[in-house]
Amino acid sequence: MPLIESQPDALANVYARSLLELADDAGGSDTIESILGQLEDILDMARSDRRFGEFLASKVLSSANRDKSLRQIFTGRCDDLVLRFLLVLNQKGRLGHIVAIVAAFDALVQERFGRIEVDIITAGPVDIAEINSIKARLSEILGKDVVVHPYTDESILGGIKFRIGDQLVDASLASRLRRMRDRLHTTGGAELRARAQQILDHAGD
């Protein structure tokens, strides 16, 4: 079975806070940043390599056998704290939930450093100058150092969407069209026709 892609829950936050405290004790801010980067690399590997993802999430593989394999894979290739954390998750049967746990840890790290991560979703690629302009504006509005992650999604037609944590702020053309459609369903076409008639009446003035 693949890794469980889910939002952080209460238990994920417990593991994340414990890891943050351990990383802080081990070396402070630099170690915290390093641990986050290594965990994100492990997630990237699990998502790109189906067999590795299934290895982490498998309920068939015994904890003891997976423990041995984890040591063989990661000893000397990641921070000892990261390996020990993976082993604890394995022993507790939570390794398949590592996505939510890392997401919770990431949120704690961003909060710790006064940062906030924002996904910027547009219909097509946006140049770096515009990204920086959006980033500066968001930083001003949110009062935090914004870390932006640009994505493209042709289905949004135009405009822009922002995902801040688990909140989606939709300023896309598709969203505006849906709102217009909803208003028409609610108020009927009479209001629209009346407005059009007003425009036409004044057109000859």
N, C-alpha and C. Protein backbone atom coordinates (compact mmCIF):
# COMPACT_ATOMS: atom_id res chain seq x y z
N MET A 1 0.84 -1.19 0.00
CA MET A 1 0.00 0.00 0.00
C MET A 1 0.88 1.24 0.00
N PRO A 2 0.40 2.34 -0.60
CA PRO A 2 1.20 3.56 -0.66
C PRO A 2 1.15 4.32 0.67
N LEU A 3 1.98 5.35 0.77
CA LEU A 3 1.94 6.21 1.95
C LEU A 3 0.58 6.87 2.06
N ILE A 4 0.17 7.14 3.29
CA ILE A 4 -1.11 7.81 3.52
C ILE A 4 -0.91 9.30 3.39
N GLU A 5 -1.53 9.89 2.35
CA GLU A 5 -1.44 11.33 2.13
C GLU A 5 -2.59 11.99 2.90
N SER A 6 -2.28 12.56 4.05
CA SER A 6 -3.33 13.16 4.87
C SER A 6 -2.81 14.40 5.58
N GLN A 7 -3.74 15.18 6.07
CA GLN A 7 -3.40 16.38 6.83
C GLN A 7 -2.98 15.98 8.25
N PRO A 8 -2.16 16.81 8.89
CA PRO A 8 -1.73 16.49 10.25
C PRO A 8 -2.91 16.35 11.21
N ASP A 9 -2.86 15.32 12.04
CA ASP A 9 -3.86 15.15 13.09
C ASP A 9 -3.19 15.38 14.45
N ALA A 10 -3.92 15.15 15.53
CA ALA A 10 -3.39 15.42 16.87
C ALA A 10 -2.14 14.59 17.14
N LEU A 11 -2.16 13.33 16.72
CA LEU A 11 -1.01 12.47 16.98
C LEU A 11 0.21 12.89 16.16
N ALA A 12 -0.03 13.31 14.92
CA ALA A 12 1.07 13.79 14.08
C ALA A 12 1.73 15.00 14.73
N ASN A 13 0.92 15.87 15.33
CA ASN A 13 1.46 17.05 16.00
C ASN A 13 2.27 16.69 17.23
N VAL A 14 1.87 15.63 17.92
CA VAL A 14 2.63 15.18 19.09
C VAL A 14 4.03 14.72 18.66
N TYR A 15 4.09 13.89 17.61
CA TYR A 15 5.39 13.44 17.11
C TYR A 15 6.23 14.61 16.61
N ALA A 16 5.59 15.54 15.90
CA ALA A 16 6.31 16.68 15.34
C ALA A 16 6.89 17.56 16.44
N ARG A 17 6.13 17.81 17.49
CA ARG A 17 6.63 18.64 18.59
C ARG A 17 7.79 17.96 19.32
N SER A 18 7.69 16.65 19.48
CA SER A 18 8.78 15.92 20.12
C SER A 18 10.05 16.02 19.30
N LEU A 19 9.92 15.88 17.98
CA LEU A 19 11.08 15.97 17.09
C LEU A 19 11.67 17.38 17.12
N LEU A 20 10.81 18.39 17.14
CA LEU A 20 11.30 19.77 17.19
C LEU A 20 12.11 20.02 18.45
N GLU A 21 11.64 19.52 19.57
CA GLU A 21 12.36 19.69 20.83
C GLU A 21 13.71 18.98 20.80
N LEU A 22 13.72 17.77 20.25
CA LEU A 22 14.97 17.02 20.15
C LEU A 22 15.97 17.71 19.23
N ALA A 23 15.48 18.21 18.09
CA ALA A 23 16.36 18.90 17.14
C ALA A 23 16.89 20.19 17.74
N ASP A 24 16.04 20.89 18.46
CA ASP A 24 16.45 22.13 19.11
C ASP A 24 17.55 21.85 20.14
N ASP A 25 17.36 20.82 20.94
CA ASP A 25 18.36 20.45 21.95
C ASP A 25 19.67 20.00 21.30
N ALA A 26 19.55 19.37 20.12
CA ALA A 26 20.73 18.81 19.45
C ALA A 26 21.59 19.86 18.77
N GLY A 27 21.00 21.02 18.41
CA GLY A 27 21.82 21.99 17.69
C GLY A 27 21.12 23.27 17.32
N GLY A 28 19.89 23.45 17.83
CA GLY A 28 19.19 24.71 17.58
C GLY A 28 18.68 24.85 16.16
N SER A 29 18.63 26.10 15.69
CA SER A 29 17.99 26.43 14.42
C SER A 29 18.59 25.69 13.23
N ASP A 30 19.92 25.61 13.17
CA ASP A 30 20.56 24.95 12.03
C ASP A 30 20.17 23.48 11.95
N THR A 31 20.14 22.82 13.11
CA THR A 31 19.78 21.40 13.14
C THR A 31 18.31 21.21 12.77
N ILE A 32 17.46 22.10 13.26
CA ILE A 32 16.03 22.01 12.93
C ILE A 32 15.82 22.10 11.42
N GLU A 33 16.47 23.07 10.79
CA GLU A 33 16.36 23.24 9.33
C GLU A 33 16.89 22.02 8.60
N SER A 34 18.01 21.49 9.09
CA SER A 34 18.62 20.32 8.45
C SER A 34 17.72 19.10 8.56
N ILE A 35 17.13 18.89 9.72
CA ILE A 35 16.23 17.74 9.92
C ILE A 35 15.04 17.84 8.99
N LEU A 36 14.45 19.03 8.89
CA LEU A 36 13.31 19.23 7.99
C LEU A 36 13.70 18.90 6.56
N GLY A 37 14.84 19.40 6.11
CA GLY A 37 15.29 19.14 4.75
C GLY A 37 15.48 17.65 4.48
N GLN A 38 16.06 16.94 5.44
CA GLN A 38 16.28 15.50 5.26
C GLN A 38 14.96 14.73 5.21
N LEU A 39 14.02 15.10 6.06
CA LEU A 39 12.72 14.43 6.03
C LEU A 39 11.98 14.70 4.72
N GLU A 40 12.08 15.91 4.22
CA GLU A 40 11.44 16.22 2.94
C GLU A 40 12.09 15.44 1.80
N ASP A 41 13.40 15.24 1.87
CA ASP A 41 14.09 14.43 0.87
C ASP A 41 13.60 12.98 0.91
N ILE A 42 13.37 12.46 2.12
CA ILE A 42 12.88 11.09 2.27
C ILE A 42 11.48 10.97 1.69
N LEU A 43 10.64 11.99 1.93
CA LEU A 43 9.29 11.96 1.34
C LEU A 43 9.35 12.02 -0.18
N ASP A 44 10.23 12.87 -0.71
CA ASP A 44 10.37 12.95 -2.17
C ASP A 44 10.76 11.60 -2.74
N MET A 45 11.67 10.91 -2.06
CA MET A 45 12.12 9.60 -2.52
C MET A 45 10.96 8.60 -2.46
N ALA A 46 10.17 8.66 -1.39
CA ALA A 46 9.06 7.73 -1.24
C ALA A 46 7.98 7.96 -2.30
N ARG A 47 7.80 9.22 -2.68
CA ARG A 47 6.78 9.53 -3.69
C ARG A 47 7.24 9.20 -5.10
N SER A 48 8.52 9.32 -5.34
CA SER A 48 9.04 9.05 -6.69
C SER A 48 9.39 7.58 -6.90
N ASP A 49 9.63 6.86 -5.83
CA ASP A 49 9.99 5.44 -5.91
C ASP A 49 8.87 4.63 -5.26
N ARG A 50 8.02 4.03 -6.07
CA ARG A 50 6.85 3.32 -5.56
C ARG A 50 7.24 2.22 -4.58
N ARG A 51 8.30 1.49 -4.88
CA ARG A 51 8.70 0.38 -4.01
C ARG A 51 9.13 0.89 -2.63
N PHE A 52 9.84 2.01 -2.60
CA PHE A 52 10.27 2.55 -1.33
C PHE A 52 9.07 3.06 -0.53
N GLY A 53 8.13 3.72 -1.22
CA GLY A 53 6.92 4.19 -0.55
C GLY A 53 6.13 3.04 0.04
N GLU A 54 6.01 1.94 -0.69
CA GLU A 54 5.29 0.77 -0.19
C GLU A 54 6.05 0.11 0.95
N PHE A 55 7.38 0.16 0.90
CA PHE A 55 8.20 -0.38 1.99
C PHE A 55 7.90 0.36 3.29
N LEU A 56 7.79 1.68 3.22
CA LEU A 56 7.53 2.47 4.43
C LEU A 56 6.13 2.20 4.98
N ALA A 57 5.15 2.03 4.07
CA ALA A 57 3.75 1.94 4.49
C ALA A 57 3.25 0.52 4.69
N SER A 58 4.01 -0.47 4.27
CA SER A 58 3.54 -1.86 4.29
C SER A 58 3.11 -2.32 5.68
N LYS A 59 1.95 -2.98 5.72
CA LYS A 59 1.49 -3.59 6.97
C LYS A 59 1.81 -5.08 7.02
N VAL A 60 2.38 -5.58 5.93
CA VAL A 60 2.76 -6.99 5.86
C VAL A 60 4.16 -7.19 6.41
N LEU A 61 5.06 -6.27 6.09
CA LEU A 61 6.45 -6.36 6.55
C LEU A 61 6.50 -6.18 8.06
N SER A 62 7.24 -7.05 8.74
CA SER A 62 7.32 -6.96 10.19
C SER A 62 8.13 -5.74 10.60
N SER A 63 7.85 -5.24 11.78
CA SER A 63 8.57 -4.08 12.30
C SER A 63 10.06 -4.38 12.43
N ALA A 64 10.39 -5.59 12.85
CA ALA A 64 11.80 -5.97 13.03
C ALA A 64 12.55 -5.97 11.71
N ASN A 65 11.93 -6.53 10.67
CA ASN A 65 12.59 -6.57 9.37
C ASN A 65 12.75 -5.17 8.78
N ARG A 66 11.72 -4.33 8.95
CA ARG A 66 11.80 -2.97 8.43
C ARG A 66 12.84 -2.16 9.21
N ASP A 67 12.92 -2.42 10.51
CA ASP A 67 13.93 -1.76 11.34
C ASP A 67 15.33 -2.03 10.80
N LYS A 68 15.58 -3.29 10.49
CA LYS A 68 16.89 -3.68 9.95
C LYS A 68 17.16 -2.99 8.62
N SER A 69 16.16 -2.95 7.74
CA SER A 69 16.33 -2.32 6.43
C SER A 69 16.54 -0.81 6.55
N LEU A 70 15.81 -0.18 7.46
CA LEU A 70 15.97 1.26 7.67
C LEU A 70 17.40 1.59 8.09
N ARG A 71 17.93 0.77 8.98
CA ARG A 71 19.31 0.99 9.42
C ARG A 71 20.29 0.84 8.25
N GLN A 72 20.05 -0.17 7.41
CA GLN A 72 20.94 -0.40 6.27
C GLN A 72 20.86 0.74 5.25
N ILE A 73 19.65 1.26 5.05
CA ILE A 73 19.46 2.32 4.05
C ILE A 73 20.02 3.65 4.52
N PHE A 74 19.77 4.01 5.79
CA PHE A 74 20.02 5.38 6.22
C PHE A 74 21.23 5.60 7.12
N THR A 75 21.81 4.55 7.67
CA THR A 75 22.97 4.76 8.53
C THR A 75 24.11 5.42 7.74
N GLY A 76 24.58 6.54 8.24
CA GLY A 76 25.64 7.29 7.57
C GLY A 76 25.18 8.15 6.42
N ARG A 77 23.89 8.08 6.08
CA ARG A 77 23.36 8.86 4.96
C ARG A 77 22.41 9.96 5.40
N CYS A 78 22.10 10.00 6.67
CA CYS A 78 21.27 11.07 7.21
C CYS A 78 21.67 11.30 8.66
N ASP A 79 21.17 12.36 9.23
CA ASP A 79 21.44 12.67 10.62
C ASP A 79 20.96 11.52 11.50
N ASP A 80 21.71 11.24 12.57
CA ASP A 80 21.35 10.15 13.46
C ASP A 80 19.97 10.38 14.07
N LEU A 81 19.60 11.64 14.32
CA LEU A 81 18.29 11.94 14.87
C LEU A 81 17.18 11.56 13.91
N VAL A 82 17.39 11.78 12.62
CA VAL A 82 16.40 11.41 11.61
C VAL A 82 16.20 9.89 11.61
N LEU A 83 17.31 9.15 11.63
CA LEU A 83 17.21 7.69 11.63
C LEU A 83 16.48 7.20 12.88
N ARG A 84 16.85 7.75 14.04
CA ARG A 84 16.19 7.33 15.27
C ARG A 84 14.70 7.65 15.25
N PHE A 85 14.35 8.77 14.63
CA PHE A 85 12.94 9.15 14.53
C PHE A 85 12.19 8.16 13.64
N LEU A 86 12.79 7.78 12.52
CA LEU A 86 12.17 6.80 11.63
C LEU A 86 11.98 5.46 12.34
N LEU A 87 12.96 5.08 13.14
CA LEU A 87 12.87 3.81 13.86
C LEU A 87 11.75 3.85 14.90
N VAL A 88 11.58 4.98 15.56
CA VAL A 88 10.49 5.12 16.53
C VAL A 88 9.14 5.02 15.83
N LEU A 89 9.00 5.73 14.69
CA LEU A 89 7.75 5.66 13.94
C LEU A 89 7.46 4.22 13.51
N ASN A 90 8.50 3.52 13.11
CA ASN A 90 8.33 2.13 12.70
C ASN A 90 7.86 1.27 13.87
N GLN A 91 8.49 1.43 15.02
CA GLN A 91 8.14 0.64 16.20
C GLN A 91 6.70 0.92 16.66
N LYS A 92 6.25 2.16 16.45
CA LYS A 92 4.91 2.54 16.88
C LYS A 92 3.85 2.30 15.79
N GLY A 93 4.29 1.77 14.65
CA GLY A 93 3.35 1.52 13.57
C GLY A 93 2.83 2.77 12.89
N ARG A 94 3.62 3.85 12.93
CA ARG A 94 3.18 5.12 12.36
C ARG A 94 3.99 5.55 11.14
N LEU A 95 4.85 4.70 10.65
CA LEU A 95 5.71 5.09 9.54
C LEU A 95 4.91 5.39 8.28
N GLY A 96 3.80 4.70 8.08
CA GLY A 96 2.95 4.95 6.92
C GLY A 96 2.27 6.31 6.97
N HIS A 97 2.30 6.95 8.15
CA HIS A 97 1.68 8.27 8.32
C HIS A 97 2.73 9.38 8.32
N ILE A 98 3.91 9.08 7.80
CA ILE A 98 5.01 10.04 7.87
C ILE A 98 4.69 11.34 7.12
N VAL A 99 3.85 11.28 6.09
CA VAL A 99 3.50 12.49 5.33
C VAL A 99 2.86 13.52 6.26
N ALA A 100 1.87 13.11 7.03
CA ALA A 100 1.19 14.02 7.95
C ALA A 100 2.13 14.51 9.05
N ILE A 101 3.00 13.63 9.51
CA ILE A 101 3.92 13.99 10.59
C ILE A 101 4.93 15.02 10.11
N VAL A 102 5.46 14.83 8.91
CA VAL A 102 6.41 15.80 8.36
C VAL A 102 5.71 17.13 8.08
N ALA A 103 4.46 17.07 7.62
CA ALA A 103 3.70 18.30 7.39
C ALA A 103 3.51 19.07 8.70
N ALA A 104 3.23 18.34 9.78
CA ALA A 104 3.08 18.98 11.09
C ALA A 104 4.41 19.57 11.55
N PHE A 105 5.49 18.85 11.32
CA PHE A 105 6.82 19.34 11.70
C PHE A 105 7.17 20.59 10.90
N ASP A 106 6.87 20.56 9.62
CA ASP A 106 7.14 21.71 8.76
C ASP A 106 6.39 22.94 9.25
N ALA A 107 5.11 22.77 9.62
CA ALA A 107 4.31 23.89 10.11
C ALA A 107 4.91 24.47 11.39
N LEU A 108 5.40 23.59 12.27
CA LEU A 108 6.02 24.06 13.51
C LEU A 108 7.31 24.82 13.24
N VAL A 109 8.07 24.33 12.26
CA VAL A 109 9.34 24.99 11.92
C VAL A 109 9.06 26.38 11.34
N GLN A 110 8.09 26.47 10.44
CA GLN A 110 7.77 27.78 9.85
C GLN A 110 7.29 28.75 10.92
N GLU A 111 6.48 28.26 11.85
CA GLU A 111 6.01 29.11 12.95
C GLU A 111 7.18 29.54 13.84
N ARG A 112 8.09 28.62 14.07
CA ARG A 112 9.25 28.91 14.92
C ARG A 112 10.09 30.06 14.34
N PHE A 113 10.23 30.09 13.02
CA PHE A 113 11.07 31.10 12.39
C PHE A 113 10.26 32.27 11.82
N GLY A 114 8.99 32.35 12.18
CA GLY A 114 8.16 33.48 11.73
C GLY A 114 7.90 33.46 10.24
N ARG A 115 7.86 32.27 9.67
CA ARG A 115 7.61 32.15 8.24
C ARG A 115 6.26 31.50 8.00
N ILE A 116 5.77 31.67 6.79
CA ILE A 116 4.55 30.99 6.38
C ILE A 116 4.72 30.56 4.93
N GLU A 117 4.33 29.33 4.63
CA GLU A 117 4.45 28.81 3.27
C GLU A 117 3.14 29.00 2.52
N VAL A 118 3.25 29.51 1.31
CA VAL A 118 2.07 29.78 0.49
C VAL A 118 2.26 29.15 -0.89
N ASP A 119 1.31 28.32 -1.29
CA ASP A 119 1.30 27.79 -2.66
C ASP A 119 0.61 28.81 -3.55
N ILE A 120 1.28 29.19 -4.63
CA ILE A 120 0.69 30.11 -5.61
C ILE A 120 0.35 29.28 -6.85
N ILE A 121 -0.93 29.23 -7.17
CA ILE A 121 -1.40 28.39 -8.27
C ILE A 121 -1.95 29.27 -9.38
N THR A 122 -1.36 29.19 -10.56
CA THR A 122 -1.80 29.99 -11.70
C THR A 122 -2.06 29.09 -12.90
N ALA A 123 -2.76 29.65 -13.90
CA ALA A 123 -3.09 28.87 -15.09
C ALA A 123 -1.85 28.55 -15.92
N GLY A 124 -0.86 29.42 -15.88
CA GLY A 124 0.37 29.21 -16.64
C GLY A 124 1.57 29.68 -15.83
N PRO A 125 2.77 29.43 -16.32
CA PRO A 125 3.99 29.84 -15.60
C PRO A 125 4.03 31.34 -15.35
N VAL A 126 4.56 31.72 -14.21
CA VAL A 126 4.69 33.13 -13.83
C VAL A 126 6.18 33.44 -13.68
N ASP A 127 6.62 34.57 -14.24
CA ASP A 127 8.04 34.88 -14.18
C ASP A 127 8.46 35.27 -12.77
N ILE A 128 9.77 35.22 -12.53
CA ILE A 128 10.32 35.42 -11.19
C ILE A 128 10.00 36.80 -10.64
N ALA A 129 9.98 37.82 -11.51
CA ALA A 129 9.68 39.18 -11.05
C ALA A 129 8.27 39.26 -10.47
N GLU A 130 7.32 38.63 -11.15
CA GLU A 130 5.95 38.66 -10.66
C GLU A 130 5.80 37.84 -9.37
N ILE A 131 6.50 36.70 -9.32
CA ILE A 131 6.49 35.88 -8.10
C ILE A 131 7.00 36.70 -6.91
N ASN A 132 8.11 37.42 -7.13
CA ASN A 132 8.69 38.24 -6.05
C ASN A 132 7.73 39.36 -5.64
N SER A 133 7.02 39.92 -6.62
CA SER A 133 6.06 40.97 -6.31
C SER A 133 4.91 40.42 -5.47
N ILE A 134 4.41 39.25 -5.85
CA ILE A 134 3.33 38.60 -5.09
C ILE A 134 3.82 38.26 -3.69
N LYS A 135 5.05 37.75 -3.61
CA LYS A 135 5.63 37.38 -2.31
C LYS A 135 5.72 38.60 -1.39
N ALA A 136 6.19 39.72 -1.93
CA ALA A 136 6.32 40.94 -1.13
C ALA A 136 4.96 41.41 -0.64
N ARG A 137 3.96 41.35 -1.50
CA ARG A 137 2.62 41.79 -1.11
C ARG A 137 2.03 40.88 -0.04
N LEU A 138 2.22 39.57 -0.19
CA LEU A 138 1.71 38.63 0.80
C LEU A 138 2.41 38.82 2.14
N SER A 139 3.72 39.07 2.10
CA SER A 139 4.47 39.30 3.34
C SER A 139 3.93 40.52 4.07
N GLU A 140 3.59 41.55 3.29
CA GLU A 140 3.04 42.78 3.88
C GLU A 140 1.67 42.51 4.51
N ILE A 141 0.85 41.74 3.81
CA ILE A 141 -0.51 41.47 4.30
C ILE A 141 -0.49 40.54 5.52
N LEU A 142 0.34 39.48 5.45
CA LEU A 142 0.34 38.46 6.49
C LEU A 142 1.25 38.80 7.66
N GLY A 143 2.16 39.74 7.44
CA GLY A 143 3.08 40.11 8.51
C GLY A 143 4.08 39.04 8.83
N LYS A 144 4.40 38.21 7.85
CA LYS A 144 5.37 37.13 8.04
C LYS A 144 6.28 37.04 6.82
N ASP A 145 7.40 36.35 7.00
CA ASP A 145 8.28 36.06 5.88
C ASP A 145 7.64 34.93 5.07
N VAL A 146 7.21 35.23 3.87
CA VAL A 146 6.47 34.26 3.06
C VAL A 146 7.42 33.43 2.20
N VAL A 147 7.26 32.11 2.27
CA VAL A 147 7.98 31.19 1.39
C VAL A 147 6.99 30.71 0.34
N VAL A 148 7.22 31.06 -0.92
CA VAL A 148 6.23 30.75 -1.95
C VAL A 148 6.64 29.50 -2.75
N HIS A 149 5.62 28.76 -3.15
CA HIS A 149 5.81 27.58 -3.99
C HIS A 149 4.87 27.72 -5.19
N PRO A 150 5.40 28.10 -6.36
CA PRO A 150 4.53 28.29 -7.52
C PRO A 150 4.15 26.97 -8.21
N TYR A 151 2.89 26.87 -8.58
CA TYR A 151 2.38 25.71 -9.31
C TYR A 151 1.50 26.20 -10.46
N THR A 152 1.34 25.37 -11.47
CA THR A 152 0.43 25.70 -12.56
C THR A 152 -0.71 24.69 -12.61
N ASP A 153 -1.89 25.19 -12.98
CA ASP A 153 -3.08 24.35 -13.10
C ASP A 153 -3.95 24.96 -14.20
N GLU A 154 -3.90 24.36 -15.39
CA GLU A 154 -4.62 24.91 -16.53
C GLU A 154 -6.13 24.96 -16.31
N SER A 155 -6.64 24.15 -15.40
CA SER A 155 -8.09 24.07 -15.21
C SER A 155 -8.66 25.32 -14.55
N ILE A 156 -7.81 26.18 -13.97
CA ILE A 156 -8.37 27.36 -13.29
C ILE A 156 -8.66 28.49 -14.27
N LEU A 157 -8.35 28.33 -15.56
CA LEU A 157 -8.66 29.26 -16.65
C LEU A 157 -7.85 30.55 -16.61
N GLY A 158 -7.73 31.15 -15.48
CA GLY A 158 -6.98 32.40 -15.36
C GLY A 158 -7.01 32.86 -13.92
N GLY A 159 -6.37 33.96 -13.63
CA GLY A 159 -6.34 34.44 -12.27
C GLY A 159 -5.33 33.67 -11.44
N ILE A 160 -5.61 33.57 -10.14
CA ILE A 160 -4.63 33.00 -9.24
C ILE A 160 -5.32 32.41 -8.01
N LYS A 161 -4.73 31.36 -7.47
CA LYS A 161 -5.19 30.77 -6.21
C LYS A 161 -4.02 30.77 -5.23
N PHE A 162 -4.33 30.94 -3.96
CA PHE A 162 -3.33 30.84 -2.91
C PHE A 162 -3.76 29.75 -1.94
N ARG A 163 -2.84 28.86 -1.62
CA ARG A 163 -3.12 27.88 -0.57
C ARG A 163 -2.21 28.20 0.62
N ILE A 164 -2.83 28.59 1.72
CA ILE A 164 -2.11 28.95 2.93
C ILE A 164 -2.51 27.95 4.00
N GLY A 165 -1.60 27.02 4.28
CA GLY A 165 -1.96 25.94 5.20
C GLY A 165 -3.04 25.09 4.56
N ASP A 166 -4.16 24.92 5.27
CA ASP A 166 -5.26 24.13 4.71
C ASP A 166 -6.36 25.02 4.13
N GLN A 167 -6.06 26.32 3.97
CA GLN A 167 -7.05 27.25 3.43
C GLN A 167 -6.70 27.59 1.98
N LEU A 168 -7.71 27.56 1.13
CA LEU A 168 -7.53 27.90 -0.28
C LEU A 168 -8.24 29.21 -0.56
N VAL A 169 -7.48 30.21 -1.00
CA VAL A 169 -8.03 31.52 -1.36
C VAL A 169 -8.09 31.55 -2.88
N ASP A 170 -9.29 31.57 -3.42
CA ASP A 170 -9.50 31.41 -4.86
C ASP A 170 -9.83 32.75 -5.49
N ALA A 171 -8.90 33.26 -6.30
CA ALA A 171 -9.14 34.50 -7.04
C ALA A 171 -9.09 34.23 -8.54
N SER A 172 -9.40 33.00 -8.93
CA SER A 172 -9.27 32.60 -10.33
C SER A 172 -10.49 33.03 -11.14
N LEU A 173 -10.31 33.06 -12.45
CA LEU A 173 -11.41 33.38 -13.36
C LEU A 173 -12.52 32.36 -13.24
N ALA A 174 -12.14 31.09 -13.11
CA ALA A 174 -13.15 30.04 -12.99
C ALA A 174 -14.02 30.27 -11.77
N SER A 175 -13.39 30.70 -10.67
CA SER A 175 -14.14 30.97 -9.45
C SER A 175 -15.10 32.13 -9.66
N ARG A 176 -14.64 33.20 -10.33
CA ARG A 176 -15.51 34.35 -10.58
C ARG A 176 -16.68 33.97 -11.48
N LEU A 177 -16.43 33.10 -12.47
CA LEU A 177 -17.50 32.65 -13.34
C LEU A 177 -18.53 31.83 -12.58
N ARG A 178 -18.04 31.00 -11.65
CA ARG A 178 -18.96 30.21 -10.84
C ARG A 178 -19.83 31.11 -9.96
N ARG A 179 -19.21 32.16 -9.39
CA ARG A 179 -19.98 33.08 -8.56
C ARG A 179 -21.03 33.81 -9.39
N MET A 180 -20.66 34.18 -10.63
CA MET A 180 -21.62 34.84 -11.52
C MET A 180 -22.77 33.89 -11.85
N ARG A 181 -22.44 32.64 -12.12
CA ARG A 181 -23.47 31.65 -12.42
C ARG A 181 -24.40 31.46 -11.23
N ASP A 182 -23.81 31.41 -10.02
CA ASP A 182 -24.62 31.23 -8.82
C ASP A 182 -25.56 32.42 -8.60
N ARG A 183 -25.07 33.64 -8.88
CA ARG A 183 -25.91 34.82 -8.73
C ARG A 183 -27.08 34.79 -9.72
N LEU A 184 -26.77 34.32 -10.94
CA LEU A 184 -27.83 34.23 -11.95
C LEU A 184 -28.89 33.22 -11.55
N HIS A 185 -28.42 32.10 -10.97
CA HIS A 185 -29.38 31.09 -10.51
C HIS A 185 -30.22 31.63 -9.36
N THR A 186 -29.61 32.48 -8.55
CA THR A 186 -30.29 33.00 -7.36
C THR A 186 -31.27 34.11 -7.71
N THR A 187 -30.80 35.07 -8.53
CA THR A 187 -31.61 36.26 -8.82
C THR A 187 -32.33 36.17 -10.15
N GLY A 188 -32.00 35.16 -10.96
CA GLY A 188 -32.60 35.04 -12.27
C GLY A 188 -31.95 35.97 -13.27
N GLY A 189 -32.41 35.93 -14.52
CA GLY A 189 -31.80 36.76 -15.55
C GLY A 189 -32.39 38.15 -15.63
N ALA A 190 -33.46 38.42 -14.88
CA ALA A 190 -34.14 39.72 -14.98
C ALA A 190 -33.21 40.87 -14.61
N GLU A 191 -32.46 40.69 -13.51
CA GLU A 191 -31.57 41.76 -13.05
C GLU A 191 -30.50 42.03 -14.10
N LEU A 192 -29.96 40.97 -14.69
CA LEU A 192 -28.92 41.13 -15.70
C LEU A 192 -29.48 41.85 -16.93
N ARG A 193 -30.70 41.48 -17.36
CA ARG A 193 -31.30 42.12 -18.53
C ARG A 193 -31.59 43.60 -18.25
N ALA A 194 -32.05 43.89 -17.02
CA ALA A 194 -32.33 45.27 -16.65
C ALA A 194 -31.07 46.10 -16.70
N ARG A 195 -29.96 45.55 -16.20
CA ARG A 195 -28.69 46.27 -16.20
C ARG A 195 -28.22 46.49 -17.64
N ALA A 196 -28.37 45.49 -18.49
CA ALA A 196 -27.98 45.62 -19.88
C ALA A 196 -28.80 46.69 -20.59
N GLN A 197 -30.11 46.75 -20.26
CA GLN A 197 -30.98 47.74 -20.86
C GLN A 197 -30.57 49.16 -20.45
N GLN A 198 -30.17 49.34 -19.18
CA GLN A 198 -29.69 50.64 -18.71
C GLN A 198 -28.48 51.11 -19.50
N ILE A 199 -27.57 50.16 -19.73
CA ILE A 199 -26.35 50.49 -20.49
C ILE A 199 -26.71 50.90 -21.90
N LEU A 200 -27.64 50.15 -22.53
CA LEU A 200 -28.04 50.46 -23.90
C LEU A 200 -28.77 51.80 -23.98
N ASP A 201 -29.59 52.12 -22.96
CA ASP A 201 -30.33 53.38 -22.96
C ASP A 201 -29.39 54.57 -22.91
N HIS A 202 -28.27 54.42 -22.22
CA HIS A 202 -27.33 55.51 -22.08
C HIS A 202 -26.28 55.54 -23.19
N ALA A 203 -26.27 54.48 -24.01
CA ALA A 203 -25.24 54.38 -25.03
C ALA A 203 -25.35 55.48 -26.07
N GLY A 204 -26.60 55.94 -26.32
CA GLY A 204 -26.78 56.98 -27.34
C GLY A 204 -26.68 58.37 -26.80
N ASP A 205 -26.49 58.54 -25.50
CA ASP A 205 -26.41 59.89 -24.90
C ASP A 205 -25.16 60.63 -25.34
